[in-house]
Amino acid sequence: MIRLLYERYLITLIQRYEAMPSHIAIVLSETDLLHQEGINKLTIFVDWCRKLEIKMLSFYIDVLDTEPELEHEMVRKLASVLRDTLDKLPEEIGFTIYNENGEPCEKRNGNDMLISISVGFGGRKEVTKAVVAVLSDVKKGNITPEQISDNIIESHLLIHEEPDLIMRAGGKHLSDFLIWQSAYSELYFTDVNWYDLRKIELLRVIRDFQKRQRRYGK
């Protein structure tokens, strides 16, 4: 009862401020997701965020380094589990799942909320792939080296939207996910494991975000 009252209190505080994150990124490990409650927490978390009118969620599933064949099999397994789970969400929610090569392996359009999930495809791979694409454009004569700019590189990234907030559950180190896009993102670490995360933790994260003065590198 007390927890529910505190949740309502936090929601009331949050709704008084305009500084709501519109894009939240969450870093998870494969063990977080494959835990008995991990995949269920994903759909619950999406529902929490949708009710708070958060428009975009980006998840990074950190796949442990292993043999290429085993890694590919793990990525396929995770992508399959994620597809089956996301397909059950309301049709208004769109999603894209990227494999370890940054290729979309599952996609559904939606006009209410967008979910982007990268399985084993981190920020360094993403930036490297973008740079290679830019160099290919130069080689083809589509652009000159002098025309290369931040905007050109960003146009080749998988996710163009910059996250307002990056969450890391479980108190572990941050990954290189969205390493380019997250230059001015707010970071939040919680000791609570992903599958034990409660709505009240999410509300605390957002409340903490609202209290911060974002300087955008200034």
N, C-alpha and C. Protein backbone atom coordinates (compact mmCIF):
# COMPACT_ATOMS: atom_id res chain seq x y z
N MET A 1 0.83 -1.19 0.00
CA MET A 1 0.00 0.00 0.00
C MET A 1 0.87 1.25 0.00
N ILE A 2 1.88 1.26 0.89
CA ILE A 2 2.78 2.41 0.97
C ILE A 2 3.52 2.61 -0.34
N ARG A 3 3.95 1.49 -0.96
CA ARG A 3 4.68 1.58 -2.23
C ARG A 3 3.81 2.19 -3.31
N LEU A 4 2.53 1.79 -3.37
CA LEU A 4 1.62 2.33 -4.38
C LEU A 4 1.39 3.82 -4.18
N LEU A 5 1.28 4.23 -2.92
CA LEU A 5 1.10 5.65 -2.63
C LEU A 5 2.33 6.45 -3.04
N TYR A 6 3.51 5.85 -2.80
CA TYR A 6 4.75 6.54 -3.18
C TYR A 6 4.86 6.62 -4.70
N GLU A 7 4.45 5.57 -5.41
CA GLU A 7 4.45 5.59 -6.87
C GLU A 7 3.58 6.74 -7.39
N ARG A 8 2.39 6.87 -6.82
CA ARG A 8 1.48 7.93 -7.25
C ARG A 8 2.07 9.30 -6.96
N TYR A 9 2.74 9.40 -5.83
CA TYR A 9 3.39 10.66 -5.47
C TYR A 9 4.47 11.02 -6.49
N LEU A 10 5.29 10.03 -6.87
CA LEU A 10 6.34 10.28 -7.86
C LEU A 10 5.74 10.64 -9.22
N ILE A 11 4.68 9.96 -9.61
CA ILE A 11 4.03 10.26 -10.90
C ILE A 11 3.50 11.69 -10.88
N THR A 12 2.94 12.12 -9.76
CA THR A 12 2.43 13.49 -9.65
C THR A 12 3.57 14.50 -9.81
N LEU A 13 4.70 14.22 -9.17
CA LEU A 13 5.86 15.11 -9.31
C LEU A 13 6.37 15.15 -10.74
N ILE A 14 6.46 13.97 -11.35
CA ILE A 14 6.96 13.87 -12.73
C ILE A 14 6.09 14.65 -13.69
N GLN A 15 4.78 14.57 -13.50
CA GLN A 15 3.85 15.23 -14.42
C GLN A 15 3.85 16.74 -14.29
N ARG A 16 4.44 17.27 -13.23
CA ARG A 16 4.52 18.72 -13.05
C ARG A 16 5.61 19.35 -13.90
N TYR A 17 6.56 18.52 -14.37
CA TYR A 17 7.70 19.04 -15.11
C TYR A 17 7.61 18.65 -16.59
N GLU A 18 8.08 19.55 -17.44
CA GLU A 18 8.08 19.28 -18.87
C GLU A 18 9.29 18.45 -19.30
N ALA A 19 10.31 18.40 -18.46
CA ALA A 19 11.57 17.72 -18.83
C ALA A 19 11.43 16.21 -18.71
N MET A 20 10.66 15.64 -19.64
CA MET A 20 10.51 14.18 -19.68
C MET A 20 11.43 13.62 -20.76
N PRO A 21 12.12 12.54 -20.47
CA PRO A 21 12.93 11.92 -21.54
C PRO A 21 12.01 11.33 -22.61
N SER A 22 12.26 11.66 -23.86
CA SER A 22 11.44 11.08 -24.93
C SER A 22 12.08 9.82 -25.49
N HIS A 23 13.38 9.64 -25.24
CA HIS A 23 14.10 8.48 -25.74
C HIS A 23 14.98 7.93 -24.62
N ILE A 24 14.71 6.70 -24.20
CA ILE A 24 15.49 6.03 -23.16
C ILE A 24 16.19 4.83 -23.76
N ALA A 25 17.47 4.69 -23.46
CA ALA A 25 18.25 3.52 -23.89
C ALA A 25 18.55 2.66 -22.68
N ILE A 26 18.46 1.36 -22.83
CA ILE A 26 18.69 0.42 -21.73
C ILE A 26 19.71 -0.62 -22.18
N VAL A 27 20.72 -0.83 -21.35
CA VAL A 27 21.77 -1.81 -21.65
C VAL A 27 21.53 -3.06 -20.81
N LEU A 28 21.42 -4.20 -21.49
CA LEU A 28 21.20 -5.48 -20.82
C LEU A 28 22.23 -6.49 -21.28
N SER A 29 22.44 -7.51 -20.46
CA SER A 29 23.26 -8.63 -20.89
C SER A 29 22.34 -9.75 -21.37
N GLU A 30 22.91 -10.69 -22.11
CA GLU A 30 22.09 -11.81 -22.59
C GLU A 30 21.52 -12.60 -21.43
N THR A 31 22.27 -12.70 -20.32
CA THR A 31 21.78 -13.45 -19.16
C THR A 31 20.62 -12.71 -18.50
N ASP A 32 20.64 -11.37 -18.53
CA ASP A 32 19.51 -10.59 -18.00
C ASP A 32 18.25 -10.95 -18.77
N LEU A 33 18.36 -10.98 -20.08
CA LEU A 33 17.19 -11.20 -20.93
C LEU A 33 16.69 -12.63 -20.86
N LEU A 34 17.62 -13.59 -20.79
CA LEU A 34 17.23 -15.00 -20.81
C LEU A 34 16.87 -15.53 -19.43
N HIS A 35 16.98 -14.68 -18.40
CA HIS A 35 16.50 -15.06 -17.08
C HIS A 35 15.00 -15.34 -17.16
N GLN A 36 14.50 -16.17 -16.28
CA GLN A 36 13.10 -16.58 -16.30
C GLN A 36 12.15 -15.39 -16.36
N GLU A 37 12.50 -14.32 -15.65
CA GLU A 37 11.63 -13.14 -15.62
C GLU A 37 12.12 -12.02 -16.54
N GLY A 38 13.26 -12.24 -17.19
CA GLY A 38 13.87 -11.17 -17.98
C GLY A 38 13.04 -10.71 -19.16
N ILE A 39 12.52 -11.66 -19.93
CA ILE A 39 11.76 -11.31 -21.12
C ILE A 39 10.40 -10.74 -20.73
N ASN A 40 9.83 -11.24 -19.62
CA ASN A 40 8.57 -10.68 -19.14
C ASN A 40 8.75 -9.24 -18.70
N LYS A 41 9.89 -8.96 -18.11
CA LYS A 41 10.16 -7.60 -17.67
C LYS A 41 10.24 -6.64 -18.84
N LEU A 42 10.68 -7.13 -19.98
CA LEU A 42 10.77 -6.30 -21.17
C LEU A 42 9.39 -5.74 -21.55
N THR A 43 8.39 -6.60 -21.61
CA THR A 43 7.05 -6.14 -21.99
C THR A 43 6.44 -5.25 -20.90
N ILE A 44 6.72 -5.58 -19.65
CA ILE A 44 6.22 -4.77 -18.54
C ILE A 44 6.84 -3.38 -18.58
N PHE A 45 8.16 -3.33 -18.84
CA PHE A 45 8.87 -2.06 -18.90
C PHE A 45 8.34 -1.19 -20.04
N VAL A 46 8.10 -1.82 -21.20
CA VAL A 46 7.54 -1.09 -22.34
C VAL A 46 6.19 -0.49 -21.97
N ASP A 47 5.37 -1.25 -21.27
CA ASP A 47 4.05 -0.75 -20.86
C ASP A 47 4.18 0.43 -19.91
N TRP A 48 5.09 0.34 -18.95
CA TRP A 48 5.33 1.47 -18.04
C TRP A 48 5.68 2.72 -18.82
N CYS A 49 6.63 2.58 -19.74
CA CYS A 49 7.12 3.74 -20.49
C CYS A 49 6.04 4.31 -21.41
N ARG A 50 5.25 3.44 -21.99
CA ARG A 50 4.18 3.91 -22.88
C ARG A 50 3.17 4.74 -22.11
N LYS A 51 2.83 4.32 -20.91
CA LYS A 51 1.88 5.07 -20.09
C LYS A 51 2.45 6.40 -19.64
N LEU A 52 3.78 6.49 -19.59
CA LEU A 52 4.44 7.75 -19.25
C LEU A 52 4.69 8.60 -20.50
N GLU A 53 4.21 8.12 -21.66
CA GLU A 53 4.30 8.82 -22.95
C GLU A 53 5.73 8.98 -23.43
N ILE A 54 6.57 8.02 -23.10
CA ILE A 54 7.92 7.98 -23.66
C ILE A 54 7.82 7.38 -25.05
N LYS A 55 8.38 8.06 -26.05
CA LYS A 55 8.13 7.73 -27.44
C LYS A 55 9.10 6.71 -28.04
N MET A 56 10.29 6.57 -27.46
CA MET A 56 11.26 5.65 -28.06
C MET A 56 12.08 4.95 -26.98
N LEU A 57 12.27 3.66 -27.18
CA LEU A 57 13.13 2.86 -26.32
C LEU A 57 14.16 2.16 -27.19
N SER A 58 15.40 2.22 -26.77
CA SER A 58 16.47 1.49 -27.48
C SER A 58 17.12 0.54 -26.50
N PHE A 59 17.14 -0.74 -26.83
CA PHE A 59 17.75 -1.75 -25.98
C PHE A 59 19.02 -2.27 -26.65
N TYR A 60 20.03 -2.50 -25.84
CA TYR A 60 21.24 -3.17 -26.34
C TYR A 60 21.43 -4.44 -25.55
N ILE A 61 21.45 -5.57 -26.25
CA ILE A 61 21.68 -6.86 -25.59
C ILE A 61 23.14 -7.21 -25.79
N ASP A 62 23.90 -7.15 -24.73
CA ASP A 62 25.34 -7.41 -24.79
C ASP A 62 25.59 -8.91 -24.80
N VAL A 63 26.01 -9.42 -25.95
CA VAL A 63 26.27 -10.85 -26.09
C VAL A 63 27.73 -11.12 -25.74
N LEU A 64 27.95 -12.07 -24.83
CA LEU A 64 29.30 -12.37 -24.37
C LEU A 64 30.17 -12.86 -25.52
N ASP A 65 31.46 -12.44 -25.50
CA ASP A 65 32.38 -12.88 -26.54
C ASP A 65 32.54 -14.40 -26.50
N THR A 66 32.41 -15.01 -27.65
CA THR A 66 32.54 -16.47 -27.74
C THR A 66 32.91 -16.82 -29.18
N GLU A 67 32.92 -18.09 -29.49
CA GLU A 67 33.23 -18.49 -30.86
C GLU A 67 32.18 -17.91 -31.82
N PRO A 68 32.59 -17.46 -33.02
CA PRO A 68 31.65 -16.83 -33.97
C PRO A 68 30.40 -17.66 -34.22
N GLU A 69 30.57 -18.98 -34.37
CA GLU A 69 29.41 -19.83 -34.64
C GLU A 69 28.45 -19.83 -33.46
N LEU A 70 29.00 -19.91 -32.25
CA LEU A 70 28.16 -19.92 -31.06
C LEU A 70 27.51 -18.56 -30.84
N GLU A 71 28.25 -17.49 -31.14
CA GLU A 71 27.69 -16.15 -30.99
C GLU A 71 26.52 -15.96 -31.95
N HIS A 72 26.70 -16.40 -33.18
CA HIS A 72 25.64 -16.25 -34.17
C HIS A 72 24.40 -17.03 -33.74
N GLU A 73 24.60 -18.21 -33.20
CA GLU A 73 23.47 -19.03 -32.74
C GLU A 73 22.76 -18.35 -31.57
N MET A 74 23.54 -17.74 -30.66
CA MET A 74 22.94 -17.04 -29.53
C MET A 74 22.14 -15.83 -30.01
N VAL A 75 22.68 -15.10 -30.99
CA VAL A 75 21.98 -13.94 -31.53
C VAL A 75 20.66 -14.37 -32.16
N ARG A 76 20.69 -15.47 -32.90
CA ARG A 76 19.48 -15.99 -33.53
C ARG A 76 18.43 -16.36 -32.48
N LYS A 77 18.90 -16.99 -31.40
CA LYS A 77 17.99 -17.40 -30.33
C LYS A 77 17.36 -16.18 -29.67
N LEU A 78 18.20 -15.18 -29.36
CA LEU A 78 17.69 -13.97 -28.73
C LEU A 78 16.72 -13.23 -29.64
N ALA A 79 17.07 -13.13 -30.92
CA ALA A 79 16.21 -12.43 -31.88
C ALA A 79 14.85 -13.12 -31.99
N SER A 80 14.86 -14.45 -31.97
CA SER A 80 13.61 -15.20 -32.05
C SER A 80 12.73 -14.97 -30.83
N VAL A 81 13.36 -15.01 -29.66
CA VAL A 81 12.62 -14.77 -28.41
C VAL A 81 12.05 -13.35 -28.40
N LEU A 82 12.86 -12.39 -28.83
CA LEU A 82 12.42 -11.00 -28.85
C LEU A 82 11.27 -10.80 -29.84
N ARG A 83 11.37 -11.41 -31.01
CA ARG A 83 10.32 -11.27 -32.02
C ARG A 83 9.00 -11.80 -31.49
N ASP A 84 9.03 -12.99 -30.90
CA ASP A 84 7.81 -13.60 -30.37
C ASP A 84 7.20 -12.74 -29.28
N THR A 85 8.06 -12.09 -28.50
CA THR A 85 7.59 -11.24 -27.40
C THR A 85 7.02 -9.92 -27.93
N LEU A 86 7.75 -9.26 -28.82
CA LEU A 86 7.32 -7.96 -29.33
C LEU A 86 6.08 -8.07 -30.21
N ASP A 87 5.91 -9.20 -30.88
CA ASP A 87 4.72 -9.40 -31.71
C ASP A 87 3.44 -9.35 -30.90
N LYS A 88 3.55 -9.62 -29.60
CA LYS A 88 2.37 -9.64 -28.74
C LYS A 88 2.00 -8.24 -28.22
N LEU A 89 2.89 -7.27 -28.45
CA LEU A 89 2.61 -5.91 -28.02
C LEU A 89 1.53 -5.30 -28.91
N PRO A 90 0.86 -4.24 -28.43
CA PRO A 90 -0.16 -3.57 -29.27
C PRO A 90 0.41 -3.18 -30.63
N GLU A 91 -0.42 -3.24 -31.66
CA GLU A 91 0.03 -2.98 -33.02
C GLU A 91 0.54 -1.55 -33.21
N GLU A 92 0.15 -0.65 -32.33
CA GLU A 92 0.59 0.74 -32.45
C GLU A 92 2.07 0.90 -32.12
N ILE A 93 2.67 -0.13 -31.52
CA ILE A 93 4.09 -0.08 -31.15
C ILE A 93 4.91 -0.72 -32.25
N GLY A 94 5.80 0.06 -32.83
CA GLY A 94 6.68 -0.46 -33.87
C GLY A 94 8.01 -0.90 -33.28
N PHE A 95 8.68 -1.82 -33.95
CA PHE A 95 9.98 -2.27 -33.44
C PHE A 95 10.88 -2.72 -34.58
N THR A 96 12.18 -2.64 -34.30
CA THR A 96 13.20 -3.17 -35.20
C THR A 96 14.23 -3.91 -34.37
N ILE A 97 14.59 -5.11 -34.79
CA ILE A 97 15.62 -5.90 -34.11
C ILE A 97 16.81 -6.02 -35.06
N TYR A 98 17.99 -5.60 -34.60
CA TYR A 98 19.21 -5.68 -35.40
C TYR A 98 20.07 -6.83 -34.90
N ASN A 99 20.68 -7.57 -35.84
CA ASN A 99 21.56 -8.67 -35.46
C ASN A 99 22.97 -8.16 -35.20
N GLU A 100 23.91 -9.09 -35.00
CA GLU A 100 25.29 -8.71 -34.63
C GLU A 100 26.04 -8.00 -35.75
N ASN A 101 25.48 -8.00 -36.96
CA ASN A 101 26.09 -7.30 -38.09
C ASN A 101 25.40 -5.97 -38.38
N GLY A 102 24.47 -5.59 -37.52
CA GLY A 102 23.76 -4.34 -37.72
C GLY A 102 22.70 -4.41 -38.80
N GLU A 103 22.25 -5.61 -39.11
CA GLU A 103 21.24 -5.79 -40.15
C GLU A 103 19.88 -6.02 -39.48
N PRO A 104 18.83 -5.35 -39.95
CA PRO A 104 17.50 -5.59 -39.36
C PRO A 104 17.00 -6.98 -39.70
N CYS A 105 16.74 -7.78 -38.68
CA CYS A 105 16.27 -9.15 -38.92
C CYS A 105 14.78 -9.29 -38.65
N GLU A 106 14.22 -8.33 -37.90
CA GLU A 106 12.77 -8.32 -37.65
C GLU A 106 12.33 -6.86 -37.58
N LYS A 107 11.16 -6.57 -38.16
CA LYS A 107 10.68 -5.19 -38.14
C LYS A 107 9.17 -5.14 -38.22
N ARG A 108 8.59 -4.18 -37.49
CA ARG A 108 7.16 -3.91 -37.57
C ARG A 108 6.94 -2.42 -37.40
N ASN A 109 6.14 -1.84 -38.27
CA ASN A 109 5.87 -0.41 -38.21
C ASN A 109 4.82 -0.11 -37.14
N GLY A 110 4.92 1.08 -36.56
CA GLY A 110 3.96 1.52 -35.56
C GLY A 110 4.00 3.03 -35.47
N ASN A 111 2.91 3.64 -35.04
CA ASN A 111 2.84 5.10 -35.00
C ASN A 111 2.70 5.67 -33.60
N ASP A 112 2.84 4.83 -32.59
CA ASP A 112 2.66 5.31 -31.21
C ASP A 112 3.98 5.32 -30.44
N MET A 113 4.74 4.27 -30.60
CA MET A 113 6.00 4.12 -29.89
C MET A 113 6.94 3.29 -30.75
N LEU A 114 8.23 3.59 -30.65
CA LEU A 114 9.22 2.85 -31.44
C LEU A 114 10.22 2.18 -30.50
N ILE A 115 10.44 0.89 -30.73
CA ILE A 115 11.42 0.13 -29.96
C ILE A 115 12.52 -0.35 -30.91
N SER A 116 13.75 -0.07 -30.54
CA SER A 116 14.89 -0.51 -31.34
C SER A 116 15.76 -1.39 -30.46
N ILE A 117 16.07 -2.60 -30.94
CA ILE A 117 16.87 -3.54 -30.15
C ILE A 117 18.06 -4.01 -30.97
N SER A 118 19.25 -3.79 -30.44
CA SER A 118 20.48 -4.26 -31.07
C SER A 118 21.00 -5.46 -30.30
N VAL A 119 21.11 -6.59 -30.98
CA VAL A 119 21.57 -7.81 -30.32
C VAL A 119 23.03 -8.04 -30.69
N GLY A 120 23.93 -7.68 -29.78
CA GLY A 120 25.35 -7.89 -30.01
C GLY A 120 26.00 -6.93 -30.98
N PHE A 121 25.30 -5.87 -31.37
CA PHE A 121 25.86 -4.89 -32.30
C PHE A 121 26.07 -3.59 -31.55
N GLY A 122 27.31 -3.38 -31.06
CA GLY A 122 27.62 -2.23 -30.22
C GLY A 122 27.97 -0.98 -31.00
N GLY A 123 28.28 0.08 -30.25
CA GLY A 123 28.54 1.37 -30.85
C GLY A 123 29.77 1.44 -31.71
N ARG A 124 30.84 0.75 -31.31
CA ARG A 124 32.06 0.79 -32.11
C ARG A 124 31.83 0.15 -33.48
N LYS A 125 31.09 -0.96 -33.49
CA LYS A 125 30.76 -1.60 -34.76
C LYS A 125 29.89 -0.67 -35.61
N GLU A 126 28.97 0.02 -34.95
CA GLU A 126 28.06 0.90 -35.67
C GLU A 126 28.81 2.06 -36.32
N VAL A 127 29.71 2.70 -35.55
CA VAL A 127 30.49 3.82 -36.10
C VAL A 127 31.42 3.35 -37.21
N THR A 128 32.06 2.18 -36.99
CA THR A 128 32.95 1.63 -38.03
C THR A 128 32.18 1.38 -39.31
N LYS A 129 31.01 0.79 -39.20
CA LYS A 129 30.18 0.50 -40.37
C LYS A 129 29.79 1.79 -41.08
N ALA A 130 29.47 2.83 -40.31
CA ALA A 130 29.10 4.12 -40.90
C ALA A 130 30.27 4.74 -41.64
N VAL A 131 31.46 4.68 -41.05
CA VAL A 131 32.64 5.25 -41.70
C VAL A 131 32.96 4.51 -43.00
N VAL A 132 32.86 3.19 -42.97
CA VAL A 132 33.09 2.39 -44.19
C VAL A 132 32.10 2.79 -45.28
N ALA A 133 30.83 3.02 -44.89
CA ALA A 133 29.81 3.43 -45.86
C ALA A 133 30.13 4.80 -46.45
N VAL A 134 30.63 5.71 -45.61
CA VAL A 134 31.01 7.04 -46.10
C VAL A 134 32.18 6.95 -47.07
N LEU A 135 33.18 6.14 -46.73
CA LEU A 135 34.33 5.96 -47.62
C LEU A 135 33.90 5.34 -48.94
N SER A 136 32.91 4.45 -48.90
CA SER A 136 32.39 3.87 -50.13
C SER A 136 31.73 4.94 -51.00
N ASP A 137 31.01 5.86 -50.37
CA ASP A 137 30.39 6.96 -51.11
C ASP A 137 31.45 7.85 -51.76
N VAL A 138 32.57 8.07 -51.04
CA VAL A 138 33.66 8.87 -51.60
C VAL A 138 34.26 8.16 -52.81
N LYS A 139 34.47 6.85 -52.66
CA LYS A 139 35.06 6.07 -53.75
C LYS A 139 34.16 6.09 -54.98
N LYS A 140 32.86 6.06 -54.78
CA LYS A 140 31.91 6.07 -55.89
C LYS A 140 31.75 7.46 -56.50
N GLY A 141 32.29 8.47 -55.81
CA GLY A 141 32.17 9.83 -56.32
C GLY A 141 30.89 10.52 -55.91
N ASN A 142 30.14 9.91 -54.97
CA ASN A 142 28.89 10.52 -54.52
C ASN A 142 29.15 11.77 -53.68
N ILE A 143 30.24 11.75 -52.92
CA ILE A 143 30.65 12.92 -52.13
C ILE A 143 32.17 13.05 -52.22
N THR A 144 32.67 14.21 -51.85
CA THR A 144 34.12 14.43 -51.80
C THR A 144 34.57 14.34 -50.36
N PRO A 145 35.85 14.09 -50.11
CA PRO A 145 36.34 14.03 -48.72
C PRO A 145 36.03 15.31 -47.95
N GLU A 146 36.06 16.45 -48.64
CA GLU A 146 35.80 17.73 -47.97
C GLU A 146 34.36 17.86 -47.51
N GLN A 147 33.48 17.08 -48.09
CA GLN A 147 32.06 17.15 -47.72
C GLN A 147 31.70 16.28 -46.52
N ILE A 148 32.65 15.47 -46.07
CA ILE A 148 32.36 14.59 -44.92
C ILE A 148 32.15 15.45 -43.67
N SER A 149 31.04 15.23 -43.00
CA SER A 149 30.69 16.01 -41.81
C SER A 149 30.01 15.12 -40.79
N ASP A 150 29.73 15.69 -39.61
CA ASP A 150 28.99 14.94 -38.59
C ASP A 150 27.66 14.44 -39.15
N ASN A 151 26.98 15.31 -39.88
CA ASN A 151 25.66 14.94 -40.42
C ASN A 151 25.76 13.77 -41.40
N ILE A 152 26.83 13.77 -42.21
CA ILE A 152 27.02 12.68 -43.18
C ILE A 152 27.21 11.36 -42.45
N ILE A 153 28.07 11.37 -41.43
CA ILE A 153 28.31 10.14 -40.66
C ILE A 153 27.03 9.70 -39.96
N GLU A 154 26.33 10.64 -39.34
CA GLU A 154 25.10 10.31 -38.61
C GLU A 154 24.04 9.70 -39.52
N SER A 155 24.04 10.13 -40.79
CA SER A 155 23.04 9.60 -41.72
C SER A 155 23.23 8.11 -41.99
N HIS A 156 24.42 7.58 -41.68
CA HIS A 156 24.70 6.17 -41.91
C HIS A 156 24.60 5.33 -40.63
N LEU A 157 24.26 5.96 -39.51
CA LEU A 157 24.08 5.22 -38.27
C LEU A 157 22.72 4.52 -38.27
N LEU A 158 22.63 3.43 -37.53
CA LEU A 158 21.36 2.69 -37.47
C LEU A 158 20.28 3.49 -36.77
N ILE A 159 20.64 4.07 -35.63
CA ILE A 159 19.70 4.83 -34.82
C ILE A 159 20.11 6.29 -34.85
N HIS A 160 19.27 7.13 -35.41
CA HIS A 160 19.61 8.54 -35.56
C HIS A 160 19.25 9.37 -34.33
N GLU A 161 18.25 8.93 -33.59
CA GLU A 161 17.78 9.70 -32.44
C GLU A 161 18.75 9.58 -31.26
N GLU A 162 19.06 10.69 -30.65
CA GLU A 162 19.95 10.69 -29.49
C GLU A 162 19.15 10.36 -28.23
N PRO A 163 19.61 9.41 -27.43
CA PRO A 163 18.87 9.10 -26.19
C PRO A 163 19.04 10.21 -25.16
N ASP A 164 17.95 10.56 -24.51
CA ASP A 164 18.03 11.54 -23.42
C ASP A 164 18.64 10.92 -22.18
N LEU A 165 18.37 9.63 -22.02
CA LEU A 165 18.76 8.93 -20.79
C LEU A 165 19.20 7.51 -21.12
N ILE A 166 20.31 7.08 -20.53
CA ILE A 166 20.78 5.71 -20.69
C ILE A 166 20.78 5.04 -19.32
N MET A 167 20.09 3.91 -19.22
CA MET A 167 20.00 3.16 -17.98
C MET A 167 20.84 1.89 -18.06
N ARG A 168 21.51 1.59 -16.96
CA ARG A 168 22.22 0.32 -16.85
C ARG A 168 21.78 -0.35 -15.57
N ALA A 169 21.03 -1.43 -15.69
CA ALA A 169 20.55 -2.14 -14.50
C ALA A 169 21.63 -3.10 -14.01
N GLY A 170 21.58 -3.40 -12.72
CA GLY A 170 22.51 -4.37 -12.15
C GLY A 170 23.82 -3.79 -11.68
N GLY A 171 24.01 -2.48 -11.80
CA GLY A 171 25.22 -1.84 -11.29
C GLY A 171 26.48 -2.21 -12.03
N LYS A 172 26.37 -2.71 -13.27
CA LYS A 172 27.55 -3.11 -14.03
C LYS A 172 28.07 -1.94 -14.85
N HIS A 173 29.21 -2.19 -15.52
CA HIS A 173 29.80 -1.12 -16.32
C HIS A 173 28.93 -0.83 -17.54
N LEU A 174 29.06 0.38 -18.07
CA LEU A 174 28.32 0.78 -19.26
C LEU A 174 28.99 0.20 -20.49
N SER A 175 28.21 -0.07 -21.53
CA SER A 175 28.77 -0.60 -22.77
C SER A 175 29.05 0.55 -23.73
N ASP A 176 29.43 0.21 -24.95
CA ASP A 176 29.67 1.25 -25.96
C ASP A 176 28.43 1.50 -26.81
N PHE A 177 27.27 1.09 -26.36
CA PHE A 177 26.04 1.23 -27.13
C PHE A 177 25.75 2.69 -27.43
N LEU A 178 25.41 2.98 -28.68
CA LEU A 178 25.10 4.34 -29.12
C LEU A 178 26.20 5.32 -28.73
N ILE A 179 27.44 4.89 -28.92
CA ILE A 179 28.58 5.68 -28.45
C ILE A 179 28.63 7.06 -29.10
N TRP A 180 28.18 7.17 -30.35
CA TRP A 180 28.14 8.46 -31.03
C TRP A 180 26.94 9.28 -30.56
N GLN A 181 25.78 8.64 -30.53
CA GLN A 181 24.54 9.35 -30.23
C GLN A 181 24.43 9.77 -28.77
N SER A 182 25.17 9.11 -27.88
CA SER A 182 24.99 9.35 -26.44
C SER A 182 25.96 10.37 -25.86
N ALA A 183 26.59 11.17 -26.70
CA ALA A 183 27.60 12.13 -26.22
C ALA A 183 27.03 13.05 -25.14
N TYR A 184 25.76 13.42 -25.25
CA TYR A 184 25.15 14.34 -24.30
C TYR A 184 24.03 13.69 -23.50
N SER A 185 23.98 12.37 -23.50
CA SER A 185 22.94 11.67 -22.76
C SER A 185 23.24 11.68 -21.26
N GLU A 186 22.19 11.62 -20.47
CA GLU A 186 22.34 11.46 -19.03
C GLU A 186 22.45 9.98 -18.71
N LEU A 187 23.34 9.62 -17.81
CA LEU A 187 23.57 8.22 -17.45
C LEU A 187 23.00 7.93 -16.07
N TYR A 188 22.45 6.73 -15.94
CA TYR A 188 21.91 6.32 -14.65
C TYR A 188 22.20 4.84 -14.42
N PHE A 189 22.86 4.55 -13.30
CA PHE A 189 23.17 3.18 -12.92
C PHE A 189 22.33 2.79 -11.71
N THR A 190 21.76 1.62 -11.75
CA THR A 190 21.01 1.12 -10.60
C THR A 190 21.54 -0.26 -10.22
N ASP A 191 21.62 -0.51 -8.92
CA ASP A 191 22.10 -1.81 -8.43
C ASP A 191 21.05 -2.90 -8.60
N VAL A 192 19.82 -2.51 -8.88
CA VAL A 192 18.74 -3.49 -9.02
C VAL A 192 18.90 -4.23 -10.35
N ASN A 193 18.84 -5.54 -10.31
CA ASN A 193 18.93 -6.33 -11.53
C ASN A 193 17.73 -6.06 -12.43
N TRP A 194 17.92 -6.26 -13.73
CA TRP A 194 16.87 -5.98 -14.70
C TRP A 194 15.57 -6.71 -14.37
N TYR A 195 15.66 -8.01 -14.07
CA TYR A 195 14.44 -8.78 -13.86
C TYR A 195 13.77 -8.47 -12.52
N ASP A 196 14.49 -7.76 -11.62
CA ASP A 196 13.90 -7.35 -10.34
C ASP A 196 13.45 -5.90 -10.37
N LEU A 197 13.66 -5.23 -11.49
CA LEU A 197 13.33 -3.80 -11.60
C LEU A 197 11.84 -3.58 -11.39
N ARG A 198 11.51 -2.61 -10.54
CA ARG A 198 10.11 -2.28 -10.29
C ARG A 198 9.77 -0.93 -10.91
N LYS A 199 8.50 -0.67 -11.04
CA LYS A 199 8.07 0.61 -11.62
C LYS A 199 8.61 1.78 -10.81
N ILE A 200 8.70 1.60 -9.51
CA ILE A 200 9.16 2.69 -8.66
C ILE A 200 10.60 3.08 -8.98
N GLU A 201 11.43 2.09 -9.40
CA GLU A 201 12.81 2.40 -9.81
C GLU A 201 12.81 3.26 -11.07
N LEU A 202 11.96 2.91 -12.03
CA LEU A 202 11.87 3.71 -13.25
C LEU A 202 11.43 5.13 -12.93
N LEU A 203 10.46 5.28 -12.06
CA LEU A 203 9.99 6.61 -11.69
C LEU A 203 11.09 7.41 -11.01
N ARG A 204 11.88 6.75 -10.19
CA ARG A 204 13.01 7.44 -9.54
C ARG A 204 14.04 7.89 -10.55
N VAL A 205 14.28 7.05 -11.54
CA VAL A 205 15.24 7.40 -12.60
C VAL A 205 14.77 8.64 -13.34
N ILE A 206 13.50 8.66 -13.71
CA ILE A 206 12.96 9.81 -14.44
C ILE A 206 12.95 11.06 -13.57
N ARG A 207 12.62 10.88 -12.31
CA ARG A 207 12.63 12.04 -11.38
C ARG A 207 14.05 12.58 -11.24
N ASP A 208 15.03 11.71 -11.16
CA ASP A 208 16.42 12.13 -11.08
C ASP A 208 16.82 12.87 -12.37
N PHE A 209 16.38 12.37 -13.50
CA PHE A 209 16.65 13.02 -14.79
C PHE A 209 16.10 14.44 -14.81
N GLN A 210 14.90 14.61 -14.30
CA GLN A 210 14.26 15.93 -14.31
C GLN A 210 15.00 16.94 -13.44
N LYS A 211 15.68 16.45 -12.41
CA LYS A 211 16.40 17.35 -11.51
C LYS A 211 17.74 17.81 -12.08
N ARG A 212 18.24 17.12 -13.08
CA ARG A 212 19.56 17.44 -13.62
C ARG A 212 19.48 18.63 -14.58
N GLN A 213 20.56 19.38 -14.62
CA GLN A 213 20.65 20.50 -15.56
C GLN A 213 21.53 20.04 -16.73
N ARG A 214 20.90 19.79 -17.84
CA ARG A 214 21.63 19.28 -19.01
C ARG A 214 22.37 20.43 -19.70
N ARG A 215 23.67 20.19 -19.97
CA ARG A 215 24.51 21.24 -20.53
C ARG A 215 24.89 20.97 -21.99
N TYR A 216 24.63 19.76 -22.48
CA TYR A 216 24.90 19.41 -23.86
C TYR A 216 26.35 19.77 -24.26
N GLY A 217 27.28 19.43 -23.37
CA GLY A 217 28.69 19.63 -23.67
C GLY A 217 29.20 21.04 -23.41
N LYS A 218 28.36 21.93 -22.94
CA LYS A 218 28.79 23.33 -22.72
C LYS A 218 29.41 23.50 -21.35
